[in-house]
Amino acid sequence: VGGSCNGMISYYDLRKPNGPTGTCRPVECSAIEKSHHDPVSDVYWISSKTGHQCVSVSTDGQMLWWDTRKLEEPIDRLILETNSKAGEVTLGGSSLEYSTEAGPTKFLVGTEQGIVVSVNLRNKKTNNGITIFDTGAGKHQGSIPTIQRNPSHNKYFMTVGDWR
């Protein structure tokens, strides 16, 4: 599975070359009008009963869940919004982390604004399952291009971005 600069998600089956001279072309692509509006920043396969589901994130502020057997439209959608008192702000996703060891419904998203967002689909009734990590002084001032969980202790994670 791959994300594109035009916001589309493409599914490839590398076992079956389907292009000229044995090249591999997408088996299926998402419809552009139902896809991300900005380039796809990250995409991950997720744990599911069918093994055909993935999630993508983009700077358009959306997390989209897909079934690669039917890419016409996403099966679920979440807007990465803060719940600030001055009004909600949409955060652009620049990186994504998913690990089944942390929990099959838990995701970490690094944003363009330098904020780390935790998404837990089991808590969707509370602020859409979104938890915003501390945004105070000493945190990232710009985009977080990489976020990664500690493989030994999945409650801990590290980010890569600017520093001061």
C-alpha atoms as a PDB file:
ATOM      1  CA  VAL A   1       0.000   0.000   0.000  1.00  0.00           C
ATOM      2  CA  GLY A   2       1.276   3.470  -0.745  1.00  0.00           C
ATOM      3  CA  GLY A   3       0.263   7.089  -0.357  1.00  0.00           C
ATOM      4  CA  SER A   4       0.622   9.637  -3.136  1.00  0.00           C
ATOM      5  CA  CYS A   5       1.354  13.341  -3.426  1.00  0.00           C
ATOM      6  CA  ASN A   6      -2.153  13.873  -4.811  1.00  0.00           C
ATOM      7  CA  GLY A   7      -3.661  12.375  -1.617  1.00  0.00           C
ATOM      8  CA  MET A   8      -4.668   9.023  -3.093  1.00  0.00           C
ATOM      9  CA  ILE A   9      -3.994   5.583  -1.590  1.00  0.00           C
ATOM     10  CA  SER A  10      -2.848   2.811  -3.937  1.00  0.00           C
ATOM     11  CA  TYR A  11      -2.784  -0.938  -3.358  1.00  0.00           C
ATOM     12  CA  TYR A  12      -0.160  -3.070  -5.095  1.00  0.00           C
ATOM     13  CA  ASP A  13       0.126  -6.844  -5.399  1.00  0.00           C
ATOM     14  CA  LEU A  14       3.820  -7.414  -6.083  1.00  0.00           C
ATOM     15  CA  ARG A  15       3.212 -11.083  -6.865  1.00  0.00           C
ATOM     16  CA  LYS A  16       1.353 -10.145 -10.052  1.00  0.00           C
ATOM     17  CA  PRO A  17       3.164  -7.798 -12.455  1.00  0.00           C
ATOM     18  CA  ASN A  18       0.332  -6.183 -14.416  1.00  0.00           C
ATOM     19  CA  GLY A  19       2.122  -3.541 -16.439  1.00  0.00           C
ATOM     20  CA  PRO A  20       4.181  -3.577 -19.586  1.00  0.00           C
ATOM     21  CA  THR A  21       7.561  -5.333 -19.352  1.00  0.00           C
ATOM     22  CA  GLY A  22       6.699  -6.901 -16.001  1.00  0.00           C
ATOM     23  CA  THR A  23       6.326  -3.652 -14.033  1.00  0.00           C
ATOM     24  CA  CYS A  24       3.890  -3.524 -11.161  1.00  0.00           C
ATOM     25  CA  ARG A  25       1.004  -1.079 -11.277  1.00  0.00           C
ATOM     26  CA  PRO A  26      -1.617  -0.448  -8.590  1.00  0.00           C
ATOM     27  CA  VAL A  27      -4.331  -3.092  -8.376  1.00  0.00           C
ATOM     28  CA  GLU A  28      -6.674  -0.456  -6.992  1.00  0.00           C
ATOM     29  CA  CYS A  29      -6.562   3.263  -6.119  1.00  0.00           C
ATOM     30  CA  SER A  30      -8.783   5.430  -3.971  1.00  0.00           C
ATOM     31  CA  ALA A  31     -11.073   7.931  -5.653  1.00  0.00           C
ATOM     32  CA  ILE A  32      -9.379  11.323  -5.620  1.00  0.00           C
ATOM     33  CA  GLU A  33     -12.511  13.135  -4.406  1.00  0.00           C
ATOM     34  CA  LYS A  34     -12.776  10.768  -1.383  1.00  0.00           C
ATOM     35  CA  SER A  35      -9.030  10.813  -0.595  1.00  0.00           C
ATOM     36  CA  HIS A  36      -6.803  13.240   1.263  1.00  0.00           C
ATOM     37  CA  HIS A  37      -6.704  16.828  -0.011  1.00  0.00           C
ATOM     38  CA  ASP A  38      -2.953  17.155   0.648  1.00  0.00           C
ATOM     39  CA  PRO A  39      -0.099  14.681   0.087  1.00  0.00           C
ATOM     40  CA  VAL A  40      -0.230  11.511   2.203  1.00  0.00           C
ATOM     41  CA  SER A  41       2.370  11.855   4.967  1.00  0.00           C
ATOM     42  CA  ASP A  42       2.293   8.285   6.266  1.00  0.00           C
ATOM     43  CA  VAL A  43       0.374   5.027   5.872  1.00  0.00           C
ATOM     44  CA  TYR A  44       0.397   1.871   8.043  1.00  0.00           C
ATOM     45  CA  TRP A  45      -1.096  -1.591   7.803  1.00  0.00           C
ATOM     46  CA  ILE A  46      -3.245  -2.172  10.885  1.00  0.00           C
ATOM     47  CA  SER A  47      -4.358  -5.271  12.730  1.00  0.00           C
ATOM     48  CA  SER A  48      -7.741  -6.437  11.437  1.00  0.00           C
ATOM     49  CA  LYS A  49      -9.669  -9.676  11.001  1.00  0.00           C
ATOM     50  CA  THR A  50      -9.277  -9.571   7.229  1.00  0.00           C
ATOM     51  CA  GLY A  51      -5.689  -8.310   7.028  1.00  0.00           C
ATOM     52  CA  HIS A  52      -6.747  -5.802   4.374  1.00  0.00           C
ATOM     53  CA  GLN A  53      -7.005  -2.602   6.431  1.00  0.00           C
ATOM     54  CA  CYS A  54      -4.660   0.354   6.614  1.00  0.00           C
ATOM     55  CA  VAL A  55      -4.697   3.892   7.979  1.00  0.00           C
ATOM     56  CA  SER A  56      -3.281   7.051   6.435  1.00  0.00           C
ATOM     57  CA  VAL A  57      -2.566  10.559   7.679  1.00  0.00           C
ATOM     58  CA  SER A  58      -2.024  13.813   5.821  1.00  0.00           C
ATOM     59  CA  THR A  59      -1.354  17.485   6.412  1.00  0.00           C
ATOM     60  CA  ASP A  60      -5.007  18.096   5.497  1.00  0.00           C
ATOM     61  CA  GLY A  61      -5.806  17.145   9.111  1.00  0.00           C
ATOM     62  CA  GLN A  62      -7.479  13.818   8.381  1.00  0.00           C
ATOM     63  CA  MET A  63      -6.794  10.248   9.447  1.00  0.00           C
ATOM     64  CA  LEU A  64      -8.485   7.864   7.031  1.00  0.00           C
ATOM     65  CA  TRP A  65      -9.019   4.115   7.476  1.00  0.00           C
ATOM     66  CA  TRP A  66      -9.156   2.001   4.315  1.00  0.00           C
ATOM     67  CA  ASP A  67     -10.083  -1.526   3.244  1.00  0.00           C
ATOM     68  CA  THR A  68      -7.748  -2.327   0.344  1.00  0.00           C
ATOM     69  CA  ARG A  69     -10.387  -4.575  -1.252  1.00  0.00           C
ATOM     70  CA  LYS A  70     -12.668  -1.535  -1.711  1.00  0.00           C
ATOM     71  CA  LEU A  71     -10.659   1.683  -1.998  1.00  0.00           C
ATOM     72  CA  GLU A  72     -13.517   3.746  -3.466  1.00  0.00           C
ATOM     73  CA  GLU A  73     -13.873   5.537  -0.142  1.00  0.00           C
ATOM     74  CA  PRO A  74     -12.467   5.290   3.397  1.00  0.00           C
ATOM     75  CA  ILE A  75     -14.249   3.062   5.909  1.00  0.00           C
ATOM     76  CA  ASP A  76     -13.689   5.606   8.698  1.00  0.00           C
ATOM     77  CA  ARG A  77     -12.470   9.172   9.052  1.00  0.00           C
ATOM     78  CA  LEU A  78     -11.159  11.284  11.922  1.00  0.00           C
ATOM     79  CA  ILE A  79     -10.371  14.998  11.862  1.00  0.00           C
ATOM     80  CA  LEU A  80      -7.317  15.813  13.995  1.00  0.00           C
ATOM     81  CA  GLU A  81      -8.760  18.707  15.995  1.00  0.00           C
ATOM     82  CA  THR A  82      -7.828  20.225  19.312  1.00  0.00           C
ATOM     83  CA  ASN A  83     -10.555  21.015  21.773  1.00  0.00           C
ATOM     84  CA  SER A  84      -9.175  24.365  22.855  1.00  0.00           C
ATOM     85  CA  LYS A  85     -11.344  26.939  24.615  1.00  0.00           C
ATOM     86  CA  ALA A  86     -10.656  29.530  21.904  1.00  0.00           C
ATOM     87  CA  GLY A  87     -12.092  27.208  19.247  1.00  0.00           C
ATOM     88  CA  GLU A  88     -11.018  23.992  17.627  1.00  0.00           C
ATOM     89  CA  VAL A  89      -7.858  23.983  15.545  1.00  0.00           C
ATOM     90  CA  THR A  90      -7.251  21.352  12.866  1.00  0.00           C
ATOM     91  CA  LEU A  91      -3.770  19.820  13.088  1.00  0.00           C
ATOM     92  CA  GLY A  92      -1.957  18.627   9.971  1.00  0.00           C
ATOM     93  CA  GLY A  93      -0.592  15.097  10.367  1.00  0.00           C
ATOM     94  CA  SER A  94       3.052  14.748   9.305  1.00  0.00           C
ATOM     95  CA  SER A  95       3.908  11.308  10.758  1.00  0.00           C
ATOM     96  CA  LEU A  96       2.142   8.252  12.133  1.00  0.00           C
ATOM     97  CA  GLU A  97       3.057   5.428  14.505  1.00  0.00           C
ATOM     98  CA  TYR A  98       1.088   2.224  15.026  1.00  0.00           C
ATOM     99  CA  SER A  99       2.025  -0.865  16.993  1.00  0.00           C
ATOM    100  CA  THR A 100      -0.274  -3.737  17.942  1.00  0.00           C
ATOM    101  CA  GLU A 101       1.715  -4.157  21.176  1.00  0.00           C
ATOM    102  CA  ALA A 102       0.563  -0.694  22.283  1.00  0.00           C
ATOM    103  CA  GLY A 103      -3.025  -1.672  21.493  1.00  0.00           C
ATOM    104  CA  PRO A 104      -4.866  -2.381  18.246  1.00  0.00           C
ATOM    105  CA  THR A 105      -6.854   0.860  18.537  1.00  0.00           C
ATOM    106  CA  LYS A 106      -4.024   3.206  19.570  1.00  0.00           C
ATOM    107  CA  PHE A 107      -2.144   5.522  17.227  1.00  0.00           C
ATOM    108  CA  LEU A 108       0.396   8.340  17.637  1.00  0.00           C
ATOM    109  CA  VAL A 109       0.431  11.244  15.174  1.00  0.00           C
ATOM    110  CA  GLY A 110       3.137  13.880  14.814  1.00  0.00           C
ATOM    111  CA  THR A 111       1.808  17.145  13.393  1.00  0.00           C
ATOM    112  CA  GLU A 112       3.010  20.092  11.326  1.00  0.00           C
ATOM    113  CA  GLN A 113       2.406  22.299  14.362  1.00  0.00           C
ATOM    114  CA  GLY A 114       4.892  20.343  16.508  1.00  0.00           C
ATOM    115  CA  ILE A 115       2.201  18.689  18.624  1.00  0.00           C
ATOM    116  CA  VAL A 116       1.947  14.961  19.338  1.00  0.00           C
ATOM    117  CA  VAL A 117      -1.575  13.548  19.195  1.00  0.00           C
ATOM    118  CA  SER A 118      -2.620  10.224  20.700  1.00  0.00           C
ATOM    119  CA  VAL A 119      -5.668   8.605  19.094  1.00  0.00           C
ATOM    120  CA  ASN A 120      -7.532   5.805  20.869  1.00  0.00           C
ATOM    121  CA  LEU A 121     -10.531   4.557  18.925  1.00  0.00           C
ATOM    122  CA  ARG A 122     -11.996   2.932  22.033  1.00  0.00           C
ATOM    123  CA  ASN A 123     -12.476   6.401  23.567  1.00  0.00           C
ATOM    124  CA  LYS A 124     -14.180   7.996  20.552  1.00  0.00           C
ATOM    125  CA  LYS A 125     -16.954   9.413  22.758  1.00  0.00           C
ATOM    126  CA  THR A 126     -14.409  11.550  24.628  1.00  0.00           C
ATOM    127  CA  ASN A 127     -13.036  14.249  22.295  1.00  0.00           C
ATOM    128  CA  ASN A 128     -13.158  11.769  19.367  1.00  0.00           C
ATOM    129  CA  GLY A 129     -10.534   9.637  21.120  1.00  0.00           C
ATOM    130  CA  ILE A 130      -7.936  12.385  20.710  1.00  0.00           C
ATOM    131  CA  THR A 131      -5.477  13.319  23.442  1.00  0.00           C
ATOM    132  CA  ILE A 132      -3.147  16.268  22.858  1.00  0.00           C
ATOM    133  CA  PHE A 133       0.228  15.973  24.562  1.00  0.00           C
ATOM    134  CA  ASP A 134       1.688  19.003  26.356  1.00  0.00           C
ATOM    135  CA  THR A 135       2.138  21.958  24.008  1.00  0.00           C
ATOM    136  CA  GLY A 136       4.020  24.168  26.484  1.00  0.00           C
ATOM    137  CA  ALA A 137       7.470  25.693  26.221  1.00  0.00           C
ATOM    138  CA  GLY A 138      10.386  23.425  25.311  1.00  0.00           C
ATOM    139  CA  LYS A 139       8.376  21.380  22.827  1.00  0.00           C
ATOM    140  CA  HIS A 140       8.723  21.233  19.054  1.00  0.00           C
ATOM    141  CA  GLN A 141       8.233  24.548  17.270  1.00  0.00           C
ATOM    142  CA  GLY A 142       7.771  23.011  13.820  1.00  0.00           C
ATOM    143  CA  SER A 143       6.792  19.842  12.016  1.00  0.00           C
ATOM    144  CA  ILE A 144       7.407  16.361  13.472  1.00  0.00           C
ATOM    145  CA  PRO A 145       8.491  14.270  10.467  1.00  0.00           C
ATOM    146  CA  THR A 146       9.104  11.088  12.512  1.00  0.00           C
ATOM    147  CA  ILE A 147       7.551   9.521  15.590  1.00  0.00           C
ATOM    148  CA  GLN A 148       8.441   6.081  16.925  1.00  0.00           C
ATOM    149  CA  ARG A 149       7.457   3.978  19.944  1.00  0.00           C
ATOM    150  CA  ASN A 150      10.070   2.335  22.118  1.00  0.00           C
ATOM    151  CA  PRO A 151       9.930  -1.365  21.119  1.00  0.00           C
ATOM    152  CA  SER A 152      10.641  -2.501  24.711  1.00  0.00           C
ATOM    153  CA  HIS A 153       8.320  -0.065  26.520  1.00  0.00           C
ATOM    154  CA  ASN A 154       5.511   0.978  24.180  1.00  0.00           C
ATOM    155  CA  LYS A 155       4.242   3.712  26.519  1.00  0.00           C
ATOM    156  CA  TYR A 156       7.359   5.705  25.638  1.00  0.00           C
ATOM    157  CA  PHE A 157       8.021   7.271  22.273  1.00  0.00           C
ATOM    158  CA  MET A 158      10.468   9.625  20.591  1.00  0.00           C
ATOM    159  CA  THR A 159      10.002  12.295  17.985  1.00  0.00           C
ATOM    160  CA  VAL A 160      12.265  13.971  15.456  1.00  0.00           C
ATOM    161  CA  GLY A 161      11.870  17.629  14.620  1.00  0.00           C
ATOM    162  CA  ASP A 162      13.377  21.024  15.280  1.00  0.00           C
ATOM    163  CA  TRP A 163      15.208  21.838  18.475  1.00  0.00           C
ATOM    164  CA  ARG A 164      16.213  24.915  20.390  1.00  0.00           C
END
